[in-house]
Amino acid sequence: MITRTFQKLLVVLASLLFNMVCHAAKLPTDLHTQLLYVAPGYSVYTAHGHCALRMQCPSLHLDYCFTYGLDDNSQSYLKFLSGKGLGNYSVVYTKDYLDDYKKHNRKVLAYNLNLNLSEQRNLWAFLDNEISTPPYRRYDYLRSNCSSMCVYAVESILDNEHIEYSNLPTVLNGTYREYIRHISIHKPWIFFIWTTVLGADGEEKGTLEDKLSPSLLVQAWRDASFIDTTGAFRPVFVGSSQLLVKGDDGSRETFLTPCLVFSVLLLLILTLCIVSIKTRHYGLAKAVESVILVSQTVAGLFLCYMTFISKLPGTSGNLYVLAFNPLPAVIWLLFRRKEWYGRCVFLYAVFLIILITATPFVPQFDFEHALLESSMLIVCVEAFLRLSNKRQLILAK
């Protein structure tokens, strides 16, 4: 940790030295700026790829990558979930930056940005100023992330110019939920996780810059142009892309999709419940009920926290808390020995049927979550029948 901190300090000092040289008598003119695109990884945090701005000055032997994100530690991730995580620009030697992705076997491509000399100097100064400023922006996976902040940095230094886009992917005209589905095309579990916590904001369209993931940013800037007040234009990218790290492009898929796993789970629970009802040996069914209840409670506590307590943008108004919440566990703990507990189970089963039936008509709902709700429904039906049989036996005596 000390070594890494020391390396960052050296990079910052060298970057500040560059600024001092730039303000001296002779300014360097051999500046080069690139957008680096890093292929997606296979974890929640890396699944949508990454991007950074590479700044080079060969005459001064300077070659740095400026990137935006959270600090790479568990405390930052917990703050992110609470909506209090602060993102910040950071700088690292390009060699170290690329070595890290070589180690993780992730493909890295470079695209030359068509900025003039003055704009490149201004961009370097802008980024130097950002890394020397304490973090103050809330990190937002929808609106303030590595891609949007690369766009923000470039747009901030344009002088009487703007970026004009053409031939944009159609998904950029859709909602946030459609956007997340698109960029998670090879990551069904990642989409399942994000769509679970994404609430009412998922149906908003937002702005173009909000929906530029690393891969979509590359697509958008390939056909984009810098246009000044006179109408003169030049392409954002110039020349061909460069392969800096040959690695996995992040498109490897798994056959164990949420749909398959939850379908198998549903069939297994259905089989166990049918066997229990027919044989009237309810020990296994009670065990299944306990596992489902505990799992539903854990998921419900997390969803309730994200929906009602966390300040993370995009998580409010989540309708999944109607099905996944701690209330069934509370009722079970307090009233399972009451005579009328079976009616509570019946009412919850009816409520689940309503939610499952509503799946095709509510944008927040999807088939994978409906499968989980169906598993909960089967457990409720089995429990209701078991309680009814028990009550009939008691009355018969």
Protein backbone atom coordinates (compact mmCIF):
# COMPACT_ATOMS: atom_id res chain seq x y z
CA MET A 1 0.00 0.00 0.00
CA ILE A 2 2.88 2.38 0.90
CA THR A 3 4.66 1.61 -2.37
CA ARG A 4 1.52 2.27 -4.39
CA THR A 5 0.89 5.57 -2.59
CA PHE A 6 4.49 6.60 -3.19
CA GLN A 7 4.14 5.78 -6.92
CA LYS A 8 1.01 7.93 -7.14
CA LEU A 9 2.84 10.77 -5.42
CA LEU A 10 5.68 10.55 -7.93
CA VAL A 11 3.21 10.64 -10.82
CA VAL A 12 1.49 13.72 -9.41
CA LEU A 13 4.81 15.48 -8.85
CA ALA A 14 5.98 14.65 -12.38
CA SER A 15 2.67 15.90 -13.78
CA LEU A 16 3.03 19.14 -11.84
CA LEU A 17 6.58 19.45 -13.17
CA PHE A 18 5.18 19.22 -16.69
CA ASN A 19 2.87 22.14 -15.95
CA MET A 20 5.81 24.16 -14.66
CA VAL A 21 7.71 23.44 -17.87
CA CYS A 22 4.66 24.41 -19.91
CA HIS A 23 4.61 27.80 -18.21
CA ALA A 24 8.31 28.31 -18.79
CA ALA A 25 9.80 30.07 -21.83
CA LYS A 26 9.46 27.17 -24.25
CA LEU A 27 6.35 25.02 -24.28
CA PRO A 28 6.52 21.43 -25.55
CA THR A 29 4.72 20.86 -28.84
CA ASP A 30 4.92 17.07 -29.12
CA LEU A 31 1.74 16.26 -27.20
CA HIS A 32 -0.45 13.24 -27.98
CA THR A 33 -3.84 12.39 -26.49
CA GLN A 34 -5.66 9.06 -26.69
CA LEU A 35 -8.83 7.51 -25.37
CA LEU A 36 -8.04 4.09 -23.93
CA TYR A 37 -10.78 1.47 -24.01
CA VAL A 38 -10.51 -1.50 -21.65
CA ALA A 39 -12.62 -4.56 -22.44
CA PRO A 40 -15.18 -5.71 -19.85
CA GLY A 41 -14.20 -8.01 -17.02
CA TYR A 42 -16.36 -10.59 -15.25
CA SER A 43 -17.08 -8.95 -11.89
CA VAL A 44 -19.88 -6.53 -11.05
CA TYR A 45 -17.47 -3.59 -10.93
CA THR A 46 -15.62 -4.43 -14.18
CA ALA A 47 -18.42 -5.96 -16.24
CA HIS A 48 -19.03 -2.91 -18.44
CA GLY A 49 -15.41 -2.11 -19.25
CA HIS A 50 -13.36 0.95 -18.48
CA CYS A 51 -11.85 3.95 -20.25
CA ALA A 52 -9.18 6.54 -19.57
CA LEU A 53 -7.42 9.48 -21.20
CA ARG A 54 -3.77 8.94 -22.08
CA MET A 55 -1.54 12.02 -22.27
CA GLN A 56 1.98 11.82 -23.77
CA CYS A 57 4.88 14.23 -24.17
CA PRO A 58 7.82 12.22 -25.63
CA SER A 59 10.33 15.08 -25.41
CA LEU A 60 9.85 15.19 -21.63
CA HIS A 61 9.47 11.38 -21.37
CA LEU A 62 5.98 11.74 -19.92
CA ASP A 63 3.28 9.14 -20.51
CA TYR A 64 0.32 9.05 -18.12
CA CYS A 65 -3.21 7.68 -17.94
CA PHE A 66 -5.88 9.80 -16.27
CA THR A 67 -8.90 7.82 -15.17
CA TYR A 68 -12.03 8.40 -13.11
CA GLY A 69 -13.55 6.08 -10.53
CA LEU A 70 -13.73 5.00 -6.91
CA ASP A 71 -10.78 4.11 -4.76
CA ASP A 72 -10.17 0.37 -5.06
CA ASN A 73 -11.07 -0.73 -1.53
CA SER A 74 -14.01 -2.22 0.35
CA GLN A 75 -14.76 1.04 2.18
CA SER A 76 -15.29 2.86 -1.12
CA TYR A 77 -17.63 0.13 -2.37
CA LEU A 78 -19.71 0.31 0.82
CA LYS A 79 -19.92 4.08 0.45
CA PHE A 80 -20.96 3.57 -3.17
CA LEU A 81 -23.87 1.34 -2.10
CA SER A 82 -24.96 3.97 0.41
CA GLY A 83 -24.85 6.62 -2.31
CA LYS A 84 -22.04 8.50 -0.58
CA GLY A 85 -19.12 7.21 -2.62
CA LEU A 86 -17.03 10.00 -4.11
CA GLY A 87 -15.43 9.51 -7.49
CA ASN A 88 -12.20 11.21 -8.43
CA TYR A 89 -9.73 11.52 -11.26
CA SER A 90 -6.45 9.72 -10.65
CA VAL A 91 -3.24 9.42 -12.63
CA VAL A 92 -0.85 6.52 -13.15
CA TYR A 93 2.09 5.74 -15.41
CA THR A 94 0.78 4.22 -18.63
CA LYS A 95 3.13 1.25 -18.32
CA ASP A 96 1.73 0.43 -14.86
CA TYR A 97 -1.81 1.00 -16.10
CA LEU A 98 -1.37 -1.43 -18.98
CA ASP A 99 0.55 -3.97 -16.89
CA ASP A 100 -2.44 -4.23 -14.56
CA TYR A 101 -4.73 -5.18 -17.44
CA LYS A 102 -2.15 -7.59 -18.86
CA LYS A 103 -2.19 -9.33 -15.50
CA HIS A 104 -5.98 -9.61 -15.65
CA ASN A 105 -5.95 -10.57 -19.36
CA ARG A 106 -8.21 -7.70 -20.46
CA LYS A 107 -7.92 -6.25 -23.95
CA VAL A 108 -6.94 -2.57 -24.24
CA LEU A 109 -7.34 -0.42 -27.36
CA ALA A 110 -6.18 3.16 -27.94
CA TYR A 111 -7.91 5.78 -30.13
CA ASN A 112 -6.15 9.01 -31.13
CA LEU A 113 -8.12 12.12 -30.17
CA ASN A 114 -8.04 14.85 -32.81
CA LEU A 115 -7.35 17.75 -30.42
CA ASN A 116 -5.20 20.70 -31.42
CA LEU A 117 -2.09 21.64 -29.45
CA SER A 118 -3.81 24.33 -27.37
CA GLU A 119 -6.66 21.98 -26.45
CA GLN A 120 -4.22 19.24 -25.43
CA ARG A 121 -2.34 21.65 -23.17
CA ASN A 122 -5.61 22.78 -21.65
CA LEU A 123 -6.75 19.19 -21.17
CA TRP A 124 -3.53 18.28 -19.38
CA ALA A 125 -3.88 21.34 -17.14
CA PHE A 126 -7.54 20.51 -16.47
CA LEU A 127 -6.71 16.93 -15.45
CA ASP A 128 -3.78 18.05 -13.30
CA ASN A 129 -6.10 20.42 -11.49
CA GLU A 130 -8.67 17.66 -10.96
CA ILE A 131 -6.22 15.18 -9.45
CA SER A 132 -4.90 17.83 -7.07
CA THR A 133 -8.46 18.60 -5.88
CA PRO A 134 -10.00 16.45 -3.11
CA PRO A 135 -12.90 14.24 -4.34
CA TYR A 136 -16.17 16.15 -4.35
CA ARG A 137 -18.36 14.42 -6.97
CA ARG A 138 -20.68 11.61 -5.95
CA TYR A 139 -19.91 8.51 -8.02
CA ASP A 140 -23.02 7.53 -9.94
CA TYR A 141 -22.96 4.41 -12.09
CA LEU A 142 -25.65 5.92 -14.33
CA ARG A 143 -24.44 9.51 -14.75
CA SER A 144 -20.98 10.07 -13.25
CA ASN A 145 -18.61 7.29 -14.24
CA CYS A 146 -15.39 6.70 -16.17
CA SER A 147 -17.02 7.26 -19.59
CA SER A 148 -19.08 10.33 -18.79
CA MET A 149 -16.12 11.94 -17.03
CA CYS A 150 -13.85 11.38 -20.06
CA VAL A 151 -16.49 13.16 -22.13
CA TYR A 152 -16.77 15.88 -19.49
CA ALA A 153 -12.99 16.46 -19.47
CA VAL A 154 -12.78 16.79 -23.25
CA GLU A 155 -15.86 19.01 -23.52
CA SER A 156 -14.51 21.25 -20.73
CA ILE A 157 -11.47 22.34 -22.74
CA LEU A 158 -13.10 22.89 -26.14
CA ASP A 159 -12.86 26.55 -27.18
CA ASN A 160 -15.96 27.70 -29.09
CA GLU A 161 -16.50 24.12 -30.23
CA HIS A 162 -18.82 21.29 -29.40
CA ILE A 163 -19.08 17.57 -30.15
CA GLU A 164 -21.75 16.64 -32.68
CA TYR A 165 -22.85 13.01 -32.87
CA SER A 166 -24.18 11.05 -35.82
CA ASN A 167 -25.11 7.42 -36.48
CA LEU A 168 -25.62 6.76 -32.78
CA PRO A 169 -26.61 3.25 -31.60
CA THR A 170 -30.40 3.14 -31.21
CA VAL A 171 -30.11 2.01 -27.58
CA LEU A 172 -28.91 5.51 -26.68
CA ASN A 173 -32.39 6.82 -27.48
CA GLY A 174 -34.01 4.35 -25.08
CA THR A 175 -34.39 4.12 -21.30
CA TYR A 176 -31.72 3.43 -18.71
CA ARG A 177 -33.07 -0.12 -18.27
CA GLU A 178 -32.76 -0.80 -22.01
CA TYR A 179 -29.28 0.69 -21.93
CA ILE A 180 -28.15 -1.55 -19.06
CA ARG A 181 -29.63 -4.59 -20.79
CA HIS A 182 -27.69 -3.70 -23.95
CA ILE A 183 -24.30 -3.23 -22.28
CA SER A 184 -24.85 -6.41 -20.22
CA ILE A 185 -25.60 -8.53 -23.28
CA HIS A 186 -22.88 -11.09 -22.45
CA LYS A 187 -23.36 -10.76 -18.69
CA PRO A 188 -26.87 -12.00 -17.76
CA TRP A 189 -26.06 -12.17 -14.03
CA ILE A 190 -24.75 -8.62 -14.06
CA PHE A 191 -27.94 -7.43 -15.72
CA PHE A 192 -29.98 -9.38 -13.16
CA ILE A 193 -28.13 -7.67 -10.29
CA TRP A 194 -28.40 -4.15 -11.71
CA THR A 195 -32.03 -4.49 -12.77
CA THR A 196 -32.86 -5.81 -9.29
CA VAL A 197 -31.73 -2.56 -7.64
CA LEU A 198 -32.74 -0.19 -10.45
CA GLY A 199 -36.01 1.47 -9.54
CA ALA A 200 -38.31 3.95 -11.24
CA ASP A 201 -35.38 5.86 -12.78
CA GLY A 202 -34.85 2.86 -15.05
CA GLU A 203 -37.72 4.05 -17.22
CA GLU A 204 -36.21 7.51 -17.72
CA LYS A 205 -34.22 8.32 -20.86
CA GLY A 206 -31.72 10.74 -19.39
CA THR A 207 -29.15 12.43 -21.61
CA LEU A 208 -26.81 11.03 -24.23
CA GLU A 209 -23.67 11.46 -22.11
CA ASP A 210 -25.32 9.54 -19.26
CA LYS A 211 -25.59 6.43 -21.41
CA LEU A 212 -22.13 6.32 -22.96
CA SER A 213 -20.56 3.17 -21.54
CA PRO A 214 -16.90 2.62 -22.54
CA SER A 215 -17.87 0.55 -25.59
CA LEU A 216 -20.70 2.89 -26.60
CA LEU A 217 -18.41 5.90 -26.14
CA VAL A 218 -16.01 4.41 -28.67
CA GLN A 219 -18.89 3.77 -31.09
CA ALA A 220 -20.28 7.28 -30.62
CA TRP A 221 -16.94 9.06 -31.06
CA ARG A 222 -16.05 7.08 -34.18
CA ASP A 223 -18.71 9.00 -36.09
CA ALA A 224 -18.65 12.21 -34.04
CA SER A 225 -17.05 15.54 -35.00
CA PHE A 226 -15.72 18.67 -33.34
CA ILE A 227 -17.66 21.62 -34.81
CA ASP A 228 -16.82 25.30 -34.22
CA THR A 229 -18.98 28.42 -34.52
CA THR A 230 -18.19 28.82 -38.24
CA GLY A 231 -19.40 25.32 -39.04
CA ALA A 232 -15.91 23.91 -39.65
CA PHE A 233 -15.57 20.38 -38.39
CA ARG A 234 -13.03 17.63 -37.89
CA PRO A 235 -13.49 14.03 -36.67
CA VAL A 236 -13.08 13.27 -32.96
CA PHE A 237 -10.88 10.26 -33.71
CA VAL A 238 -8.02 10.40 -36.18
CA GLY A 239 -6.10 7.47 -37.62
CA SER A 240 -6.70 3.84 -36.75
CA SER A 241 -6.97 2.26 -33.32
CA GLN A 242 -3.98 0.62 -31.65
CA LEU A 243 -4.00 -2.68 -29.78
CA LEU A 244 -2.05 -2.02 -26.58
CA VAL A 245 -2.90 -5.20 -24.68
CA LYS A 246 -3.96 -8.42 -26.36
CA GLY A 247 -6.41 -10.10 -24.03
CA ASP A 248 -9.97 -11.24 -23.41
CA ASP A 249 -12.58 -9.01 -25.04
CA GLY A 250 -15.12 -9.75 -22.31
CA SER A 251 -17.62 -11.57 -24.52
CA ARG A 252 -17.34 -15.01 -22.90
CA GLU A 253 -20.78 -16.17 -21.82
CA THR A 254 -22.02 -18.67 -19.25
CA PHE A 255 -24.70 -21.28 -19.92
CA LEU A 256 -25.80 -21.04 -16.26
CA THR A 257 -27.99 -18.01 -16.84
CA PRO A 258 -30.39 -16.69 -14.19
CA CYS A 259 -33.27 -17.98 -16.29
CA LEU A 260 -31.87 -21.53 -16.35
CA VAL A 261 -30.85 -21.58 -12.68
CA PHE A 262 -34.17 -20.19 -11.44
CA SER A 263 -36.13 -22.55 -13.72
CA VAL A 264 -34.29 -25.57 -12.28
CA LEU A 265 -34.86 -24.20 -8.76
CA LEU A 266 -38.57 -23.80 -9.48
CA LEU A 267 -38.90 -27.38 -10.76
CA LEU A 268 -36.95 -28.74 -7.80
CA ILE A 269 -39.10 -26.90 -5.26
CA LEU A 270 -42.28 -27.94 -7.09
CA THR A 271 -41.21 -31.59 -7.03
CA LEU A 272 -40.30 -31.55 -3.34
CA CYS A 273 -43.57 -29.86 -2.39
CA ILE A 274 -45.67 -32.31 -4.42
CA VAL A 275 -43.88 -35.26 -2.83
CA SER A 276 -44.41 -33.78 0.64
CA ILE A 277 -48.12 -33.20 0.05
CA LYS A 278 -48.71 -36.70 -1.36
CA THR A 279 -46.69 -38.54 1.30
CA ARG A 280 -47.63 -36.17 4.12
CA HIS A 281 -44.00 -36.16 5.24
CA TYR A 282 -43.47 -32.47 5.66
CA GLY A 283 -39.96 -32.38 7.09
CA LEU A 284 -38.29 -31.69 3.74
CA ALA A 285 -40.95 -29.17 2.75
CA LYS A 286 -40.42 -27.28 6.02
CA ALA A 287 -36.67 -27.21 5.33
CA VAL A 288 -37.30 -25.78 1.85
CA GLU A 289 -39.69 -23.23 3.34
CA SER A 290 -37.03 -22.16 5.84
CA VAL A 291 -34.37 -21.74 3.16
CA ILE A 292 -36.71 -19.73 0.93
CA LEU A 293 -37.84 -17.57 3.84
CA VAL A 294 -34.28 -16.81 4.94
CA SER A 295 -33.16 -16.07 1.35
CA GLN A 296 -36.20 -13.88 0.73
CA THR A 297 -35.56 -11.99 3.97
CA VAL A 298 -31.88 -11.35 3.22
CA ALA A 299 -32.73 -10.16 -0.30
CA GLY A 300 -35.61 -8.10 1.09
CA LEU A 301 -33.44 -6.35 3.68
CA PHE A 302 -30.92 -5.45 0.98
CA LEU A 303 -33.62 -4.16 -1.38
CA CYS A 304 -35.32 -2.17 1.37
CA TYR A 305 -32.00 -0.57 2.27
CA MET A 306 -31.22 0.31 -1.36
CA THR A 307 -34.76 1.61 -1.99
CA PHE A 308 -35.57 3.54 1.19
CA ILE A 309 -32.24 4.36 2.86
CA SER A 310 -29.45 4.44 0.27
CA LYS A 311 -28.94 7.69 -1.60
CA LEU A 312 -27.54 5.89 -4.65
CA PRO A 313 -29.25 7.43 -7.70
CA GLY A 314 -31.58 5.11 -9.60
CA THR A 315 -32.62 2.86 -6.72
CA SER A 316 -35.71 4.64 -5.41
CA GLY A 317 -39.19 3.54 -6.43
CA ASN A 318 -38.20 -0.14 -6.71
CA LEU A 319 -41.34 -2.29 -6.99
CA TYR A 320 -39.50 -5.51 -6.19
CA VAL A 321 -39.72 -4.62 -2.49
CA LEU A 322 -43.40 -5.62 -2.77
CA ALA A 323 -42.30 -9.26 -3.17
CA PHE A 324 -38.90 -9.25 -1.49
CA ASN A 325 -39.09 -7.71 1.98
CA PRO A 326 -38.75 -8.82 5.63
CA LEU A 327 -42.51 -8.75 6.35
CA PRO A 328 -43.15 -12.50 5.71
CA ALA A 329 -40.33 -13.40 8.11
CA VAL A 330 -41.70 -11.03 10.76
CA ILE A 331 -45.20 -12.52 10.45
CA TRP A 332 -43.77 -16.05 10.65
CA LEU A 333 -41.72 -15.26 13.76
CA LEU A 334 -44.60 -13.59 15.60
CA PHE A 335 -47.75 -15.38 14.46
CA ARG A 336 -46.88 -18.83 13.06
CA ARG A 337 -48.61 -20.55 16.00
CA LYS A 338 -51.78 -18.50 15.63
CA GLU A 339 -54.86 -20.18 14.21
CA TRP A 340 -55.25 -17.52 11.51
CA TYR A 341 -51.62 -17.72 10.28
CA GLY A 342 -52.74 -19.90 7.35
CA ARG A 343 -54.86 -17.01 6.04
CA CYS A 344 -51.78 -14.77 5.99
CA VAL A 345 -49.98 -17.39 3.91
CA PHE A 346 -52.97 -17.58 1.56
CA LEU A 347 -53.14 -13.80 1.14
CA TYR A 348 -49.41 -13.63 0.40
CA ALA A 349 -49.84 -16.38 -2.23
CA VAL A 350 -52.62 -14.36 -3.89
CA PHE A 351 -50.40 -11.26 -3.81
CA LEU A 352 -47.56 -13.19 -5.50
CA ILE A 353 -49.96 -14.39 -8.21
CA ILE A 354 -50.90 -10.75 -8.90
CA LEU A 355 -47.24 -9.73 -9.17
CA ILE A 356 -46.38 -12.64 -11.48
CA THR A 357 -49.39 -11.89 -13.68
CA ALA A 358 -48.34 -8.25 -13.90
CA THR A 359 -44.83 -9.10 -15.15
CA PRO A 360 -45.51 -8.51 -18.90
CA PHE A 361 -47.13 -5.15 -18.18
CA VAL A 362 -44.70 -3.53 -15.71
CA PRO A 363 -41.35 -2.41 -17.18
CA GLN A 364 -39.52 -3.04 -13.89
CA PHE A 365 -40.59 -6.68 -13.77
CA ASP A 366 -38.82 -9.42 -15.74
CA PHE A 367 -39.11 -13.17 -16.30
CA GLU A 368 -36.17 -14.11 -14.05
CA HIS A 369 -37.69 -12.41 -11.00
CA ALA A 370 -41.07 -13.93 -11.87
CA LEU A 371 -39.44 -17.37 -11.62
CA LEU A 372 -38.22 -16.55 -8.12
CA GLU A 373 -41.67 -15.28 -7.16
CA SER A 374 -43.15 -18.52 -8.55
CA SER A 375 -40.84 -20.55 -6.28
CA MET A 376 -42.04 -18.50 -3.32
CA LEU A 377 -45.64 -19.02 -4.47
CA ILE A 378 -45.26 -22.83 -4.53
CA VAL A 379 -43.81 -22.81 -1.01
CA CYS A 380 -46.77 -20.67 0.15
CA VAL A 381 -49.31 -23.05 -1.45
CA GLU A 382 -47.62 -26.08 0.17
CA ALA A 383 -47.55 -24.34 3.56
CA PHE A 384 -51.22 -23.34 3.26
CA LEU A 385 -52.28 -26.89 2.38
CA ARG A 386 -50.17 -28.32 5.22
CA LEU A 387 -51.67 -25.88 7.72
CA SER A 388 -55.18 -26.62 6.44
CA ASN A 389 -54.64 -30.39 6.82
CA LYS A 390 -53.28 -29.85 10.31
CA ARG A 391 -56.29 -27.75 11.27
CA GLN A 392 -58.70 -30.37 9.88
CA LEU A 393 -56.99 -33.08 11.93
CA ILE A 394 -57.27 -30.98 15.07
CA LEU A 395 -60.99 -30.34 14.42
CA ALA A 396 -61.57 -34.04 13.71
CA LYS A 397 -60.23 -34.93 17.14
